[in-house]
Amino acid sequence: MKLYRPIGLTELKLIAQQDWRAFPPRLEWQPIFYPVLNATYACQIAERWNTPDEFSGYCGFVTEFDVDDDFIARYPVQTVGDATLHLELWIPSEDMALFNQHLIGQIRVIERFYGEKFAGKIDPVTKLPHLFD
């Protein structure tokens, strides 16, 4: 199954440190990991929530990744708004290591959004911020 995850700069750096093959463990206050089922919804979150957020580095990214169908089927789809658009899976934080084992290939960045307060340098080729300057 192809899934999407809106993220900020901190999570982007942690994913890059894992060679684009794993999402980081959830923080103490994050009981679930919620990938979403469509890119449009992921873009809404990345642009509207991440770009004004200091913790996100005033930028948002949409990642796309594939997960083994048999594994991901254990998590029911959750509707959190518009029944055709706002669809998520709720992966308990304690399942993150197992979830990462079922990723197929690398995590890819497919969209980038930069807020007015973003102060980093952007690579002209990848359009991603310089992650490790």
N, C-alpha and C. Protein backbone atom coordinates (compact mmCIF):
# COMPACT_ATOMS: atom_id res chain seq x y z
N MET A 1 0.85 -1.17 0.00
CA MET A 1 0.00 0.00 0.00
C MET A 1 0.89 1.24 0.00
N LYS A 2 0.52 2.20 -0.80
CA LYS A 2 1.23 3.48 -0.83
C LYS A 2 0.58 4.40 0.21
N LEU A 3 1.41 4.99 1.06
CA LEU A 3 0.94 5.89 2.09
C LEU A 3 1.74 7.19 2.05
N TYR A 4 1.25 8.18 2.80
CA TYR A 4 1.87 9.50 2.83
C TYR A 4 1.99 9.94 4.28
N ARG A 5 2.99 10.78 4.53
CA ARG A 5 3.19 11.29 5.89
C ARG A 5 3.66 12.73 5.80
N PRO A 6 2.87 13.67 6.34
CA PRO A 6 3.34 15.05 6.43
C PRO A 6 4.31 15.17 7.61
N ILE A 7 5.43 15.83 7.38
CA ILE A 7 6.45 15.96 8.42
C ILE A 7 7.06 17.36 8.40
N GLY A 8 7.75 17.66 9.48
CA GLY A 8 8.51 18.90 9.57
C GLY A 8 10.00 18.62 9.42
N LEU A 9 10.79 19.65 9.62
CA LEU A 9 12.24 19.57 9.42
C LEU A 9 12.93 18.58 10.36
N THR A 10 12.52 18.54 11.61
CA THR A 10 13.15 17.64 12.58
C THR A 10 12.98 16.19 12.15
N GLU A 11 11.76 15.81 11.79
CA GLU A 11 11.52 14.43 11.37
C GLU A 11 12.22 14.13 10.05
N LEU A 12 12.29 15.10 9.15
CA LEU A 12 13.00 14.91 7.89
C LEU A 12 14.47 14.56 8.14
N LYS A 13 15.09 15.27 9.06
CA LYS A 13 16.49 15.00 9.39
C LYS A 13 16.66 13.59 9.95
N LEU A 14 15.75 13.18 10.83
CA LEU A 14 15.84 11.85 11.43
C LEU A 14 15.65 10.74 10.38
N ILE A 15 14.77 10.96 9.43
CA ILE A 15 14.56 9.99 8.35
C ILE A 15 15.81 9.92 7.47
N ALA A 16 16.39 11.07 7.15
CA ALA A 16 17.61 11.09 6.33
C ALA A 16 18.75 10.34 7.03
N GLN A 17 18.83 10.47 8.36
CA GLN A 17 19.87 9.76 9.12
C GLN A 17 19.69 8.25 9.05
N GLN A 18 18.50 7.79 8.75
CA GLN A 18 18.21 6.36 8.62
C GLN A 18 18.25 5.92 7.15
N ASP A 19 18.96 6.68 6.32
CA ASP A 19 19.10 6.38 4.89
C ASP A 19 17.74 6.30 4.20
N TRP A 20 16.78 7.08 4.67
CA TRP A 20 15.44 7.17 4.07
C TRP A 20 14.69 5.84 4.12
N ARG A 21 14.99 5.02 5.15
CA ARG A 21 14.37 3.69 5.23
C ARG A 21 13.59 3.44 6.53
N ALA A 22 13.44 4.48 7.37
CA ALA A 22 12.71 4.29 8.62
C ALA A 22 12.22 5.64 9.15
N PHE A 23 11.08 5.57 9.80
CA PHE A 23 10.57 6.73 10.52
C PHE A 23 11.08 6.66 11.95
N PRO A 24 11.31 7.80 12.58
CA PRO A 24 11.82 7.78 13.96
C PRO A 24 10.77 7.30 14.94
N PRO A 25 11.22 6.83 16.10
CA PRO A 25 10.26 6.46 17.14
C PRO A 25 9.43 7.69 17.53
N ARG A 26 8.24 7.45 18.01
CA ARG A 26 7.38 8.54 18.47
C ARG A 26 7.97 9.13 19.76
N LEU A 27 7.70 10.39 19.95
CA LEU A 27 8.10 11.05 21.19
C LEU A 27 7.15 10.64 22.30
N GLU A 28 7.54 10.88 23.51
CA GLU A 28 6.78 10.47 24.69
C GLU A 28 5.31 10.91 24.62
N TRP A 29 5.06 12.09 24.08
CA TRP A 29 3.71 12.64 24.04
C TRP A 29 2.97 12.28 22.75
N GLN A 30 3.53 11.39 21.93
CA GLN A 30 2.90 10.99 20.66
C GLN A 30 2.51 9.51 20.73
N PRO A 31 1.26 9.22 21.08
CA PRO A 31 0.86 7.82 21.24
C PRO A 31 0.67 7.05 19.93
N ILE A 32 0.51 7.80 18.83
CA ILE A 32 0.31 7.13 17.53
C ILE A 32 1.15 7.78 16.45
N PHE A 33 1.42 6.99 15.43
CA PHE A 33 2.02 7.45 14.17
C PHE A 33 0.87 7.39 13.17
N TYR A 34 0.62 8.47 12.47
CA TYR A 34 -0.52 8.46 11.58
C TYR A 34 -0.15 8.78 10.14
N PRO A 35 0.15 7.76 9.34
CA PRO A 35 0.27 7.98 7.91
C PRO A 35 -1.12 8.22 7.33
N VAL A 36 -1.19 8.95 6.24
CA VAL A 36 -2.49 9.24 5.62
C VAL A 36 -2.57 8.54 4.27
N LEU A 37 -3.79 8.42 3.76
CA LEU A 37 -4.03 7.60 2.57
C LEU A 37 -3.95 8.36 1.25
N ASN A 38 -3.83 9.69 1.30
CA ASN A 38 -3.73 10.40 0.02
C ASN A 38 -2.85 11.63 0.15
N ALA A 39 -2.24 11.98 -0.95
CA ALA A 39 -1.27 13.08 -0.98
C ALA A 39 -1.94 14.43 -0.74
N THR A 40 -3.17 14.60 -1.20
CA THR A 40 -3.86 15.89 -1.02
C THR A 40 -4.01 16.22 0.46
N TYR A 41 -4.44 15.25 1.24
CA TYR A 41 -4.59 15.45 2.68
C TYR A 41 -3.23 15.72 3.33
N ALA A 42 -2.22 14.96 2.94
CA ALA A 42 -0.87 15.17 3.48
C ALA A 42 -0.37 16.58 3.16
N CYS A 43 -0.64 17.06 1.96
CA CYS A 43 -0.24 18.42 1.58
C CYS A 43 -0.95 19.47 2.44
N GLN A 44 -2.24 19.26 2.70
CA GLN A 44 -2.97 20.19 3.56
C GLN A 44 -2.30 20.32 4.92
N ILE A 45 -1.95 19.18 5.50
CA ILE A 45 -1.32 19.20 6.83
C ILE A 45 0.05 19.86 6.77
N ALA A 46 0.87 19.45 5.81
CA ALA A 46 2.23 19.98 5.71
C ALA A 46 2.23 21.48 5.50
N GLU A 47 1.34 21.96 4.66
CA GLU A 47 1.32 23.39 4.36
C GLU A 47 0.64 24.21 5.47
N ARG A 48 -0.47 23.73 5.98
CA ARG A 48 -1.24 24.51 6.96
C ARG A 48 -0.73 24.40 8.38
N TRP A 49 -0.23 23.23 8.76
CA TRP A 49 0.18 23.02 10.15
C TRP A 49 1.69 23.15 10.35
N ASN A 50 2.48 22.63 9.42
CA ASN A 50 3.92 22.62 9.63
C ASN A 50 4.58 23.96 9.34
N THR A 51 4.17 24.67 8.29
CA THR A 51 4.88 25.90 7.91
C THR A 51 4.79 27.01 8.95
N PRO A 52 3.73 27.13 9.74
CA PRO A 52 3.74 28.16 10.79
C PRO A 52 4.31 27.67 12.13
N ASP A 53 4.77 26.43 12.18
CA ASP A 53 5.18 25.80 13.44
C ASP A 53 6.69 25.86 13.64
N GLU A 54 7.11 26.43 14.75
CA GLU A 54 8.53 26.54 15.06
C GLU A 54 9.20 25.17 15.17
N PHE A 55 8.54 24.21 15.86
CA PHE A 55 9.10 22.87 16.03
C PHE A 55 9.33 22.18 14.69
N SER A 56 8.51 22.51 13.69
CA SER A 56 8.66 21.93 12.34
C SER A 56 9.69 22.68 11.50
N GLY A 57 10.31 23.70 12.08
CA GLY A 57 11.30 24.47 11.34
C GLY A 57 10.66 25.40 10.32
N TYR A 58 9.38 25.70 10.50
CA TYR A 58 8.63 26.56 9.58
C TYR A 58 8.61 26.01 8.16
N CYS A 59 8.62 24.68 8.07
CA CYS A 59 8.51 24.05 6.75
C CYS A 59 7.81 22.71 6.90
N GLY A 60 7.20 22.28 5.81
CA GLY A 60 6.51 21.00 5.82
C GLY A 60 6.84 20.21 4.57
N PHE A 61 6.87 18.92 4.73
CA PHE A 61 7.21 18.02 3.62
C PHE A 61 6.19 16.90 3.58
N VAL A 62 5.93 16.40 2.40
CA VAL A 62 5.07 15.24 2.25
C VAL A 62 5.95 14.09 1.80
N THR A 63 5.95 13.04 2.61
CA THR A 63 6.68 11.83 2.23
C THR A 63 5.69 10.81 1.67
N GLU A 64 6.22 10.01 0.77
CA GLU A 64 5.46 8.92 0.16
C GLU A 64 6.27 7.65 0.37
N PHE A 65 5.60 6.57 0.70
CA PHE A 65 6.32 5.32 0.97
C PHE A 65 5.37 4.15 0.79
N ASP A 66 5.94 2.99 0.62
CA ASP A 66 5.16 1.77 0.42
C ASP A 66 5.34 0.86 1.63
N VAL A 67 4.24 0.21 2.00
CA VAL A 67 4.22 -0.72 3.13
C VAL A 67 3.59 -2.02 2.66
N ASP A 68 4.11 -3.11 3.17
CA ASP A 68 3.59 -4.43 2.85
C ASP A 68 2.07 -4.48 3.11
N ASP A 69 1.31 -4.87 2.08
CA ASP A 69 -0.16 -4.89 2.18
C ASP A 69 -0.67 -5.79 3.30
N ASP A 70 -0.12 -6.98 3.42
CA ASP A 70 -0.59 -7.91 4.45
C ASP A 70 -0.38 -7.35 5.85
N PHE A 71 0.76 -6.71 6.06
CA PHE A 71 1.04 -6.14 7.38
C PHE A 71 0.11 -4.97 7.68
N ILE A 72 -0.02 -4.04 6.75
CA ILE A 72 -0.75 -2.80 7.03
C ILE A 72 -2.25 -3.04 7.16
N ALA A 73 -2.74 -4.16 6.65
CA ALA A 73 -4.17 -4.47 6.72
C ALA A 73 -4.67 -4.64 8.16
N ARG A 74 -3.77 -4.82 9.11
CA ARG A 74 -4.19 -4.98 10.51
C ARG A 74 -4.65 -3.67 11.14
N TYR A 75 -4.39 -2.54 10.47
CA TYR A 75 -4.76 -1.24 11.00
C TYR A 75 -5.95 -0.69 10.22
N PRO A 76 -7.10 -0.51 10.87
CA PRO A 76 -8.28 -0.01 10.15
C PRO A 76 -8.12 1.46 9.76
N VAL A 77 -8.75 1.83 8.67
CA VAL A 77 -8.74 3.22 8.21
C VAL A 77 -9.59 4.05 9.17
N GLN A 78 -9.07 5.20 9.55
CA GLN A 78 -9.76 6.14 10.44
C GLN A 78 -10.17 7.36 9.63
N THR A 79 -11.41 7.76 9.73
CA THR A 79 -11.90 8.97 9.08
C THR A 79 -11.90 10.09 10.12
N VAL A 80 -11.17 11.18 9.82
CA VAL A 80 -11.00 12.25 10.81
C VAL A 80 -11.57 13.58 10.33
N GLY A 81 -12.37 13.55 9.32
CA GLY A 81 -12.97 14.76 8.76
C GLY A 81 -13.76 14.36 7.53
N ASP A 82 -13.43 14.96 6.42
CA ASP A 82 -14.07 14.64 5.14
C ASP A 82 -13.91 13.15 4.86
N ALA A 83 -15.02 12.46 4.67
CA ALA A 83 -15.01 11.00 4.52
C ALA A 83 -14.30 10.51 3.27
N THR A 84 -14.07 11.39 2.30
CA THR A 84 -13.36 10.97 1.09
C THR A 84 -11.92 11.44 1.06
N LEU A 85 -11.55 12.33 1.97
CA LEU A 85 -10.21 12.92 1.92
C LEU A 85 -9.40 12.70 3.19
N HIS A 86 -9.98 12.88 4.34
CA HIS A 86 -9.25 12.86 5.61
C HIS A 86 -9.20 11.46 6.21
N LEU A 87 -8.39 10.62 5.58
CA LEU A 87 -8.28 9.22 5.96
C LEU A 87 -6.87 8.92 6.45
N GLU A 88 -6.79 8.27 7.61
CA GLU A 88 -5.50 7.98 8.24
C GLU A 88 -5.48 6.53 8.73
N LEU A 89 -4.28 6.07 9.00
CA LEU A 89 -4.09 4.85 9.76
C LEU A 89 -3.47 5.26 11.08
N TRP A 90 -3.85 4.61 12.15
CA TRP A 90 -3.28 4.92 13.47
C TRP A 90 -2.42 3.76 13.90
N ILE A 91 -1.12 3.97 13.85
CA ILE A 91 -0.14 2.96 14.24
C ILE A 91 0.30 3.27 15.68
N PRO A 92 0.03 2.40 16.63
CA PRO A 92 0.48 2.67 18.01
C PRO A 92 2.00 2.86 18.05
N SER A 93 2.44 3.77 18.89
CA SER A 93 3.88 4.08 18.95
C SER A 93 4.72 2.85 19.23
N GLU A 94 4.18 1.91 19.99
CA GLU A 94 4.96 0.69 20.30
C GLU A 94 5.11 -0.22 19.08
N ASP A 95 4.38 0.04 18.01
CA ASP A 95 4.48 -0.76 16.78
C ASP A 95 5.46 -0.16 15.74
N MET A 96 6.09 0.97 16.07
CA MET A 96 6.92 1.66 15.06
C MET A 96 8.07 0.81 14.52
N ALA A 97 8.77 0.10 15.35
CA ALA A 97 9.88 -0.72 14.86
C ALA A 97 9.37 -1.79 13.89
N LEU A 98 8.26 -2.41 14.22
CA LEU A 98 7.66 -3.41 13.35
C LEU A 98 7.16 -2.77 12.05
N PHE A 99 6.54 -1.61 12.17
CA PHE A 99 6.09 -0.87 10.98
C PHE A 99 7.27 -0.60 10.05
N ASN A 100 8.36 -0.09 10.59
CA ASN A 100 9.54 0.21 9.77
C ASN A 100 10.10 -1.03 9.09
N GLN A 101 9.99 -2.19 9.72
CA GLN A 101 10.46 -3.44 9.11
C GLN A 101 9.63 -3.82 7.89
N HIS A 102 8.42 -3.30 7.79
CA HIS A 102 7.54 -3.64 6.68
C HIS A 102 7.48 -2.56 5.59
N LEU A 103 8.35 -1.55 5.72
CA LEU A 103 8.45 -0.57 4.63
C LEU A 103 9.11 -1.24 3.44
N ILE A 104 8.67 -0.88 2.26
CA ILE A 104 9.24 -1.42 1.03
C ILE A 104 9.98 -0.28 0.32
N GLY A 105 11.28 -0.38 0.21
CA GLY A 105 12.06 0.67 -0.44
C GLY A 105 12.25 1.87 0.46
N GLN A 106 12.59 2.98 -0.16
CA GLN A 106 12.91 4.18 0.59
C GLN A 106 11.71 5.11 0.74
N ILE A 107 11.79 5.96 1.73
CA ILE A 107 10.82 7.03 1.95
C ILE A 107 11.21 8.17 1.02
N ARG A 108 10.24 8.69 0.28
CA ARG A 108 10.50 9.72 -0.73
C ARG A 108 9.79 11.03 -0.36
N VAL A 109 10.44 12.15 -0.58
CA VAL A 109 9.80 13.46 -0.39
C VAL A 109 9.18 13.85 -1.72
N ILE A 110 7.87 14.09 -1.72
CA ILE A 110 7.19 14.43 -2.99
C ILE A 110 6.68 15.86 -3.04
N GLU A 111 6.59 16.53 -1.89
CA GLU A 111 6.16 17.93 -1.85
C GLU A 111 6.92 18.65 -0.75
N ARG A 112 7.13 19.96 -0.96
CA ARG A 112 7.86 20.79 -0.01
C ARG A 112 7.13 22.12 0.15
N PHE A 113 7.02 22.58 1.38
CA PHE A 113 6.36 23.85 1.67
C PHE A 113 7.23 24.61 2.67
N TYR A 114 7.45 25.89 2.38
CA TYR A 114 8.28 26.72 3.25
C TYR A 114 7.48 27.93 3.72
N GLY A 115 7.44 28.12 5.03
CA GLY A 115 6.72 29.25 5.61
C GLY A 115 7.55 30.51 5.57
N GLU A 116 6.91 31.62 5.89
CA GLU A 116 7.57 32.93 5.87
C GLU A 116 8.76 33.00 6.82
N LYS A 117 8.71 32.26 7.91
CA LYS A 117 9.78 32.34 8.91
C LYS A 117 10.89 31.31 8.68
N PHE A 118 10.80 30.51 7.62
CA PHE A 118 11.86 29.54 7.35
C PHE A 118 13.15 30.29 7.06
N ALA A 119 14.24 29.90 7.73
CA ALA A 119 15.49 30.64 7.61
C ALA A 119 16.64 29.81 7.05
N GLY A 120 16.39 28.58 6.66
CA GLY A 120 17.46 27.71 6.19
C GLY A 120 17.81 27.94 4.73
N LYS A 121 18.81 27.23 4.29
CA LYS A 121 19.23 27.25 2.89
C LYS A 121 18.60 26.06 2.17
N ILE A 122 18.16 26.28 0.94
CA ILE A 122 17.51 25.24 0.17
C ILE A 122 18.41 24.81 -0.98
N ASP A 123 18.60 23.51 -1.11
CA ASP A 123 19.40 22.96 -2.21
C ASP A 123 18.66 23.21 -3.53
N PRO A 124 19.33 23.82 -4.52
CA PRO A 124 18.65 24.15 -5.77
C PRO A 124 18.24 22.93 -6.59
N VAL A 125 18.86 21.79 -6.37
CA VAL A 125 18.54 20.58 -7.14
C VAL A 125 17.39 19.81 -6.47
N THR A 126 17.54 19.48 -5.20
CA THR A 126 16.53 18.67 -4.51
C THR A 126 15.35 19.50 -3.98
N LYS A 127 15.56 20.80 -3.86
CA LYS A 127 14.57 21.70 -3.27
C LYS A 127 14.32 21.39 -1.79
N LEU A 128 15.24 20.62 -1.19
CA LEU A 128 15.18 20.33 0.23
C LEU A 128 16.16 21.22 0.96
N PRO A 129 15.91 21.47 2.24
CA PRO A 129 16.87 22.28 3.00
C PRO A 129 18.18 21.50 3.18
N HIS A 130 19.25 22.25 3.33
CA HIS A 130 20.52 21.62 3.70
C HIS A 130 20.32 21.05 5.10
N LEU A 131 20.37 19.75 5.23
CA LEU A 131 19.98 19.11 6.47
C LEU A 131 21.08 19.08 7.53
N PHE A 132 22.31 19.06 7.10
CA PHE A 132 23.37 18.83 8.07
C PHE A 132 24.46 19.87 7.99
N ASP A 133 24.09 21.13 7.78
CA ASP A 133 25.06 22.22 7.75
C ASP A 133 25.48 22.59 9.15
